Structure formats: C-alpha cells, structure tokens
C-alpha atoms as a PDB file:
ATOM      1  CA  MET A   1      93.898 140.808 -47.669  1.00  0.00           C
ATOM      2  CA  GLY A   2      97.491 141.931 -47.943  1.00  0.00           C
ATOM      3  CA  VAL A   3     100.569 142.460 -50.113  1.00  0.00           C
ATOM      4  CA  ARG A   4     102.601 139.971 -52.123  1.00  0.00           C
ATOM      5  CA  ILE A   5     106.148 140.980 -53.148  1.00  0.00           C
ATOM      6  CA  ALA A   6     108.171 139.003 -55.701  1.00  0.00           C
ATOM      7  CA  VAL A   7     111.906 139.833 -55.466  1.00  0.00           C
ATOM      8  CA  GLN A   8     114.742 139.155 -57.929  1.00  0.00           C
ATOM      9  CA  SER A   9     118.394 140.158 -57.582  1.00  0.00           C
ATOM     10  CA  LEU A  10     120.056 141.837 -60.567  1.00  0.00           C
ATOM     11  CA  TRP A  11     123.414 141.088 -58.913  1.00  0.00           C
ATOM     12  CA  ALA A  12     122.980 137.339 -59.469  1.00  0.00           C
ATOM     13  CA  LYS A  13     125.593 135.770 -61.741  1.00  0.00           C
ATOM     14  CA  GLU A  14     123.149 133.274 -63.242  1.00  0.00           C
ATOM     15  CA  GLU A  15     119.391 133.266 -63.773  1.00  0.00           C
ATOM     16  CA  PRO A  16     118.052 134.721 -60.493  1.00  0.00           C
ATOM     17  CA  SER A  17     115.502 132.975 -58.320  1.00  0.00           C
ATOM     18  CA  THR A  18     112.227 134.687 -57.459  1.00  0.00           C
ATOM     19  CA  PHE A  19     111.560 135.065 -53.725  1.00  0.00           C
ATOM     20  CA  ILE A  20     107.934 135.542 -52.647  1.00  0.00           C
ATOM     21  CA  TYR A  21     106.994 137.523 -49.511  1.00  0.00           C
ATOM     22  CA  GLU A  22     103.453 137.944 -48.209  1.00  0.00           C
ATOM     23  CA  PHE A  23     102.398 140.440 -45.562  1.00  0.00           C
ATOM     24  CA  ALA A  24      99.144 141.460 -43.923  1.00  0.00           C
ATOM     25  CA  GLN A  25     100.644 144.213 -41.748  1.00  0.00           C
ATOM     26  CA  SER A  26     100.194 147.981 -42.076  1.00  0.00           C
ATOM     27  CA  ARG A  27     103.940 148.764 -42.587  1.00  0.00           C
ATOM     28  CA  ILE A  28     106.560 146.707 -44.453  1.00  0.00           C
ATOM     29  CA  VAL A  29     110.216 147.713 -44.112  1.00  0.00           C
ATOM     30  CA  ILE A  30     112.580 147.001 -47.033  1.00  0.00           C
ATOM     31  CA  GLY A  31     116.315 147.264 -46.404  1.00  0.00           C
ATOM     32  CA  ARG A  32     119.666 145.662 -45.670  1.00  0.00           C
ATOM     33  CA  SER A  33     119.380 145.352 -41.897  1.00  0.00           C
ATOM     34  CA  ARG A  34     118.489 142.186 -40.044  1.00  0.00           C
ATOM     35  CA  SER A  35     115.317 143.841 -38.735  1.00  0.00           C
ATOM     36  CA  ALA A  36     113.948 144.581 -42.242  1.00  0.00           C
ATOM     37  CA  ASP A  37     110.869 142.659 -43.300  1.00  0.00           C
ATOM     38  CA  VAL A  38     112.405 142.245 -46.783  1.00  0.00           C
ATOM     39  CA  GLN A  39     116.185 141.842 -46.429  1.00  0.00           C
ATOM     40  CA  LEU A  40     118.211 142.711 -49.550  1.00  0.00           C
ATOM     41  CA  PRO A  41     121.864 141.668 -48.953  1.00  0.00           C
ATOM     42  CA  HIS A  42     123.931 144.290 -50.771  1.00  0.00           C
ATOM     43  CA  LEU A  43     125.661 147.495 -49.658  1.00  0.00           C
ATOM     44  CA  ALA A  44     123.843 149.380 -52.435  1.00  0.00           C
ATOM     45  CA  VAL A  45     120.717 148.966 -50.272  1.00  0.00           C
ATOM     46  CA  SER A  46     120.412 151.206 -47.199  1.00  0.00           C
ATOM     47  CA  SER A  47     119.724 149.666 -43.795  1.00  0.00           C
ATOM     48  CA  THR A  48     116.189 151.046 -43.886  1.00  0.00           C
ATOM     49  CA  HIS A  49     115.820 151.819 -47.556  1.00  0.00           C
ATOM     50  CA  ALA A  50     112.066 152.127 -48.116  1.00  0.00           C
ATOM     51  CA  SER A  51     108.741 151.106 -46.661  1.00  0.00           C
ATOM     52  CA  ILE A  52     105.290 150.158 -47.909  1.00  0.00           C
ATOM     53  CA  ARG A  53     102.407 151.473 -45.800  1.00  0.00           C
ATOM     54  CA  ILE A  54      98.642 151.555 -45.759  1.00  0.00           C
ATOM     55  CA  GLU A  55      97.482 155.123 -46.271  1.00  0.00           C
ATOM     56  CA  ASP A  56      93.817 156.138 -46.616  1.00  0.00           C
ATOM     57  CA  THR A  57      92.337 153.375 -48.795  1.00  0.00           C
ATOM     58  CA  GLY A  58      95.482 152.089 -50.502  1.00  0.00           C
ATOM     59  CA  TYR A  59      99.178 151.330 -50.264  1.00  0.00           C
ATOM     60  CA  VAL A  60     102.033 153.780 -50.750  1.00  0.00           C
ATOM     61  CA  LEU A  61     105.805 153.461 -51.048  1.00  0.00           C
ATOM     62  CA  ILE A  62     108.088 155.824 -49.144  1.00  0.00           C
ATOM     63  CA  ASP A  63     111.839 156.138 -49.731  1.00  0.00           C
ATOM     64  CA  GLU A  64     113.270 156.501 -46.230  1.00  0.00           C
ATOM     65  CA  GLY A  65     116.166 158.751 -47.274  1.00  0.00           C
ATOM     66  CA  SER A  66     118.187 155.982 -48.934  1.00  0.00           C
ATOM     67  CA  THR A  67     121.671 156.562 -50.353  1.00  0.00           C
ATOM     68  CA  ASN A  68     120.965 155.275 -53.866  1.00  0.00           C
ATOM     69  CA  GLY A  69     117.312 156.127 -54.234  1.00  0.00           C
ATOM     70  CA  THR A  70     114.253 154.147 -55.318  1.00  0.00           C
ATOM     71  CA  ARG A  71     112.405 153.835 -58.620  1.00  0.00           C
ATOM     72  CA  VAL A  72     108.800 152.886 -59.265  1.00  0.00           C
ATOM     73  CA  ASN A  73     108.105 151.809 -62.847  1.00  0.00           C
ATOM     74  CA  GLU A  74     111.524 153.238 -63.835  1.00  0.00           C
ATOM     75  CA  THR A  75     110.730 156.690 -62.366  1.00  0.00           C
ATOM     76  CA  PRO A  76     112.752 157.912 -59.343  1.00  0.00           C
ATOM     77  CA  VAL A  77     110.628 158.769 -56.308  1.00  0.00           C
ATOM     78  CA  VAL A  78     111.243 161.716 -53.996  1.00  0.00           C
ATOM     79  CA  ALA A  79     112.540 160.679 -50.578  1.00  0.00           C
ATOM     80  CA  GLY A  80     109.910 161.035 -47.860  1.00  0.00           C
ATOM     81  CA  ARG A  81     107.078 161.642 -50.322  1.00  0.00           C
ATOM     82  CA  PRO A  82     104.466 158.843 -50.519  1.00  0.00           C
ATOM     83  CA  LYS A  83     104.130 157.207 -53.923  1.00  0.00           C
ATOM     84  CA  THR A  84     100.823 155.448 -54.569  1.00  0.00           C
ATOM     85  CA  LEU A  85     101.240 151.811 -55.531  1.00  0.00           C
ATOM     86  CA  ARG A  86      99.144 149.711 -57.883  1.00  0.00           C
ATOM     87  CA  THR A  87      99.118 146.020 -58.597  1.00  0.00           C
ATOM     88  CA  GLN A  88     102.015 144.883 -60.822  1.00  0.00           C
ATOM     89  CA  ASP A  89     104.080 148.012 -60.120  1.00  0.00           C
ATOM     90  CA  THR A  90     107.840 147.405 -60.345  1.00  0.00           C
ATOM     91  CA  ILE A  91     110.079 148.821 -57.579  1.00  0.00           C
ATOM     92  CA  ASP A  92     113.850 149.043 -58.123  1.00  0.00           C
ATOM     93  CA  ILE A  93     115.962 149.180 -54.965  1.00  0.00           C
ATOM     94  CA  GLY A  94     119.776 149.002 -55.080  1.00  0.00           C
ATOM     95  CA  GLY A  95     119.968 146.339 -57.790  1.00  0.00           C
ATOM     96  CA  TYR A  96     116.839 144.405 -56.799  1.00  0.00           C
ATOM     97  CA  GLN A  97     113.483 144.320 -58.565  1.00  0.00           C
ATOM     98  CA  LEU A  98     110.280 143.965 -56.584  1.00  0.00           C
ATOM     99  CA  ILE A  99     106.941 143.230 -58.271  1.00  0.00           C
ATOM    100  CA  ILE A 100     103.960 144.240 -56.131  1.00  0.00           C
ATOM    101  CA  ASP A 101     100.536 142.572 -55.929  1.00  0.00           C
ATOM    102  CA  LEU A 102      97.974 144.317 -53.724  1.00  0.00           C
ATOM    103  CA  GLY A 103      94.810 143.046 -52.096  1.00  0.00           C
ATOM    104  CA  VAL A 104      95.835 139.379 -52.212  1.00  0.00           C
ATOM    105  CA  PRO A 105      94.622 136.831 -49.653  1.00  0.00           C
ATOM    106  CA  VAL A 106      97.351 136.076 -47.105  1.00  0.00           C
ATOM    107  CA  ALA A 107      96.972 132.928 -45.046  1.00  0.00           C
ATOM    108  CA  GLN A 108     100.212 133.376 -43.108  1.00  0.00           C
ATOM    109  CA  THR A 109     102.677 136.265 -43.208  1.00  0.00           C
ATOM    110  CA  ILE A 110     106.328 135.429 -43.887  1.00  0.00           C
ATOM    111  CA  SER A 111     108.431 134.751 -40.781  1.00  0.00           C
ATOM    112  CA  ALA A 112     111.665 136.501 -39.773  1.00  0.00           C
ATOM    113  CA  ARG A 113     113.490 133.172 -40.069  1.00  0.00           C
ATOM    114  CA  LEU A 114     112.374 132.675 -43.680  1.00  0.00           C
ATOM    115  CA  THR A 115     113.218 136.300 -44.520  1.00  0.00           C
ATOM    116  CA  THR A 116     116.796 135.702 -43.331  1.00  0.00           C
ATOM    117  CA  GLU A 117     116.953 132.413 -45.248  1.00  0.00           C
ATOM    118  CA  TYR A 118     115.917 134.232 -48.428  1.00  0.00           C
ATOM    119  CA  ALA A 119     118.707 136.762 -47.846  1.00  0.00           C
ATOM    120  CA  ARG A 120     121.254 133.931 -47.558  1.00  0.00           C
ATOM    121  CA  LYS A 121     120.088 132.376 -50.822  1.00  0.00           C
ATOM    122  CA  MET A 122     120.223 135.731 -52.621  1.00  0.00           C
ATOM    123  CA  LEU A 123     123.786 136.217 -51.366  1.00  0.00           C
ATOM    124  CA  GLU A 124     124.775 132.765 -52.617  1.00  0.00           C
ATOM    125  CA  GLU A 125     123.392 133.570 -56.072  1.00  0.00           C
ATOM    126  CA  GLN A 126     125.381 136.809 -56.049  1.00  0.00           C
ATOM    127  CA  ASP A 127     128.604 134.764 -56.191  1.00  0.00           C
ATOM    128  CA  ALA A 128     129.477 135.031 -52.523  1.00  0.00           C
ATOM    129  CA  ASP A 129     133.094 134.670 -51.371  1.00  0.00           C
ATOM    130  CA  GLN A 130     133.749 130.951 -50.957  1.00  0.00           C
ATOM    131  CA  GLN A 131     136.465 131.605 -48.374  1.00  0.00           C
ATOM    132  CA  THR A 132     133.974 132.995 -45.853  1.00  0.00           C
ATOM    133  CA  SER A 133     130.702 131.501 -44.683  1.00  0.00           C
ATOM    134  CA  VAL A 134     127.529 132.999 -46.090  1.00  0.00           C
ATOM    135  CA  GLU A 135     126.364 133.721 -42.545  1.00  0.00           C
ATOM    136  CA  ALA A 136     129.507 135.773 -41.806  1.00  0.00           C
ATOM    137  CA  GLN A 137     129.220 137.666 -45.097  1.00  0.00           C
ATOM    138  CA  LEU A 138     125.558 138.415 -44.456  1.00  0.00           C
ATOM    139  CA  GLU A 139     126.383 139.784 -41.005  1.00  0.00           C
ATOM    140  CA  THR A 140     129.125 142.001 -42.487  1.00  0.00           C
ATOM    141  CA  ILE A 141     126.748 143.375 -45.115  1.00  0.00           C
ATOM    142  CA  GLN A 142     123.993 143.999 -42.587  1.00  0.00           C
ATOM    143  CA  SER A 143     126.291 145.972 -40.304  1.00  0.00           C
ATOM    144  CA  GLY A 144     128.313 147.753 -43.036  1.00  0.00           C
ATOM    145  CA  ALA A 145     128.001 151.273 -44.413  1.00  0.00           C
ATOM    146  CA  ASP A 146     126.012 152.154 -47.498  1.00  0.00           C
ATOM    147  CA  GLN A 147     127.845 151.922 -50.796  1.00  0.00           C
ATOM    148  CA  SER A 148     127.011 154.676 -53.271  1.00  0.00           C
ATOM    149  CA  VAL A 149     126.418 153.174 -56.723  1.00  0.00           C
ATOM    150  CA  GLU A 150     124.633 154.114 -59.898  1.00  0.00           C
ATOM    151  CA  LEU A 151     121.269 152.437 -60.153  1.00  0.00           C
ATOM    152  CA  LEU A 152     121.569 149.316 -62.234  1.00  0.00           C
ATOM    153  CA  PRO A 153     119.899 149.501 -65.657  1.00  0.00           C
ATOM    154  CA  ILE A 154     116.515 147.896 -65.802  1.00  0.00           C
ATOM    155  CA  PRO A 155     116.680 144.787 -67.988  1.00  0.00           C
ATOM    156  CA  LYS A 156     114.398 144.927 -70.988  1.00  0.00           C
ATOM    157  CA  ALA A 157     113.226 142.210 -73.297  1.00  0.00           C
ATOM    158  CA  SER A 158     114.944 142.448 -76.653  1.00  0.00           C
ATOM    159  CA  PRO A 159     112.578 143.901 -79.248  1.00  0.00           C
ATOM    160  CA  THR A 160     111.168 141.463 -81.729  1.00  0.00           C
ATOM    161  CA  ASN A 161     112.706 142.022 -85.127  1.00  0.00           C
ATOM    162  CA  PRO A 162     110.109 142.341 -87.886  1.00  0.00           C
ATOM    163  CA  PRO A 163     110.266 139.582 -90.481  1.00  0.00           C
ATOM    164  CA  PRO A 164     112.259 140.547 -93.562  1.00  0.00           C
ATOM    165  CA  ARG A 165     110.218 141.844 -96.426  1.00  0.00           C
ATOM    166  CA  THR A 166     110.188 139.505 -99.371  1.00  0.00           C
ATOM    167  CA  SER A 167     109.107 140.218-102.909  1.00  0.00           C
ATOM    168  CA  THR A 168     107.288 137.576-104.912  1.00  0.00           C
ATOM    169  CA  PRO A 169     108.062 137.453-108.654  1.00  0.00           C
ATOM    170  CA  PRO A 170     105.039 137.630-110.974  1.00  0.00           C
ATOM    171  CA  PRO A 171     103.789 134.259-112.128  1.00  0.00           C
ATOM    172  CA  GLN A 172     105.190 133.214-115.457  1.00  0.00           C
ATOM    173  CA  ARG A 173     103.044 131.839-118.235  1.00  0.00           C
ATOM    174  CA  PRO A 174     103.755 128.229-118.953  1.00  0.00           C
ATOM    175  CA  VAL A 175     105.717 127.719-122.148  1.00  0.00           C
ATOM    176  CA  GLN A 176     103.825 125.535-124.559  1.00  0.00           C
ATOM    177  CA  GLU A 177     105.979 122.917-126.153  1.00  0.00           C
ATOM    178  CA  ARG A 178     105.778 122.561-129.932  1.00  0.00           C
ATOM    179  CA  THR A 179     104.733 119.140-131.064  1.00  0.00           C
ATOM    180  CA  PRO A 180     106.221 117.778-134.325  1.00  0.00           C
ATOM    181  CA  MET A 181     103.898 117.761-137.362  1.00  0.00           C
ATOM    182  CA  GLY A 182     102.304 114.516-138.378  1.00  0.00           C
ATOM    183  CA  THR A 183     102.387 113.001-141.953  1.00  0.00           C
ATOM    184  CA  SER A 184      98.808 114.065-142.742  1.00  0.00           C
ATOM    185  CA  GLU A 185      99.590 117.689-141.887  1.00  0.00           C
ATOM    186  CA  LEU A 186     102.642 117.663-144.189  1.00  0.00           C
ATOM    187  CA  VAL A 187     100.537 116.308-147.092  1.00  0.00           C
ATOM    188  CA  VAL A 188      97.935 119.032-146.569  1.00  0.00           C
ATOM    189  CA  TYR A 189     100.577 121.799-146.561  1.00  0.00           C
ATOM    190  CA  LEU A 190     102.236 120.277-149.688  1.00  0.00           C
ATOM    191  CA  LEU A 191      98.956 120.138-151.631  1.00  0.00           C
ATOM    192  CA  ALA A 192      98.105 123.691-150.632  1.00  0.00           C
ATOM    193  CA  GLY A 193     101.514 124.795-151.928  1.00  0.00           C
ATOM    194  CA  LEU A 194     101.069 123.026-155.256  1.00  0.00           C
ATOM    195  CA  LEU A 195      97.578 124.520-155.670  1.00  0.00           C
ATOM    196  CA  LEU A 196      98.907 128.005-155.007  1.00  0.00           C
ATOM    197  CA  ALA A 197     101.737 127.496-157.547  1.00  0.00           C
ATOM    198  CA  ALA A 198      99.298 126.240-160.186  1.00  0.00           C
ATOM    199  CA  SER A 199      97.021 129.240-159.650  1.00  0.00           C
ATOM    200  CA  VAL A 200      99.953 131.638-160.093  1.00  0.00           C
ATOM    201  CA  ALA A 201     101.001 129.841-163.337  1.00  0.00           C
ATOM    202  CA  VAL A 202      97.470 130.010-164.799  1.00  0.00           C
ATOM    203  CA  MET A 203      97.158 133.715-164.019  1.00  0.00           C
ATOM    204  CA  PHE A 204     100.598 134.284-165.630  1.00  0.00           C
ATOM    205  CA  PHE A 205      99.562 132.653-168.948  1.00  0.00           C
ATOM    206  CA  LEU A 206      96.171 134.414-169.007  1.00  0.00           C
ATOM    207  CA  THR A 207      97.742 137.837-168.689  1.00  0.00           C
ATOM    208  CA  ARG A 208     100.119 137.352-171.578  1.00  0.00           C
END
C-alpha cells in the first residue's frame, strides 16, 4: 500500500491537466529540483519544498523551510512541524494543488523519467517561452533561486444561486356567461307581471 498524489498547476493558462504520482516509499520529496520525487516547475516552489513521510502508523507532511510556505486544507503549516495527513487532503505548494490518497495499492512506483516528463508538460501548460526549448527553461527553473510570491488564492466553485422566489396568484372563479332568455321564459315573466298588475287594481277598487 502507498500514496497517490494528483497534481494540478494553478499557473496553467487553460484548463490544467491532472498528473498522477504513486509511491510506496517511506519519504516523498516535493520541490523544484531535478532530484525531487514530485517536480513542480516554478520559482515559487523551493528546491526541496516539503516532504511526505511515514511516521508511527500514518503519513505526515513536513514543510522543509520553504520560501513561500505550504497549506493543508487552506491552513498554513508550521515549517518543520509534522502535519498529519488524511485521504483527500488538499496541499497547496507555490501555485500547485496536490490531492492526497493514502493506503492505495501501488503496483509500480513512478519513475524519475516520468516525473521529469510531467514537469515538462506542466511547464508547457504554463505558457512557456516559445523562443527557448522547454528543456532549457526547465533546467533554468530547477537551478534558479526561489521567488517570493503571495500564495495563490484557492479556486472555489461558484455558489449555487437559490431559485428566485415566485408568488402564485390565487385561483380565480370562472365567470359564468349569461345565456339569453328563451321565448317561454319571456311569456312566463309577462303573465306574472299582468297578474301582479291585476291584483293591485282589484285591491285599489276594494279599498275605495
């Protein structure tokens, strides 16, 4: 069983690729130098920036005195002080995000050649200078001095906006259409009127 590390560069100009590293060793070095197990090609990363080690019954991260510091789950860690790691922890190192999976089966640990190839591809995605070969730029970065920068902000998914509240008008009663009177109804009303008039006339003569 070992460690799987998924790396993305926040310096990439387009959608960054995800580079997968697998290790079954007791110490994993993360840094800018050619000898690092995980090479991160930017001067914001120190030559030996941090390391992941087996300690007691688990894995810990140690910042090796880097120039720009290290964050685990957005919280800065103290240089030289072991920070316990858990599966799916996020490590931020000089503009790179590393997602950690612990206790995974590792059939074959990543080779030094593939580690360097990953570094070249990261550099290409970071909009490398087209006038100079990627190999020459990588060598310059690996041998250069640390560049002090503010830690890049951690990208967050945009919050989901709640659906707008809508009000529903109360249901309206259907308006009943008036139907025109038929001939039989008119005759009935006319007879009733005549009967009422006759009754009033009779009562008038009786009271005189």
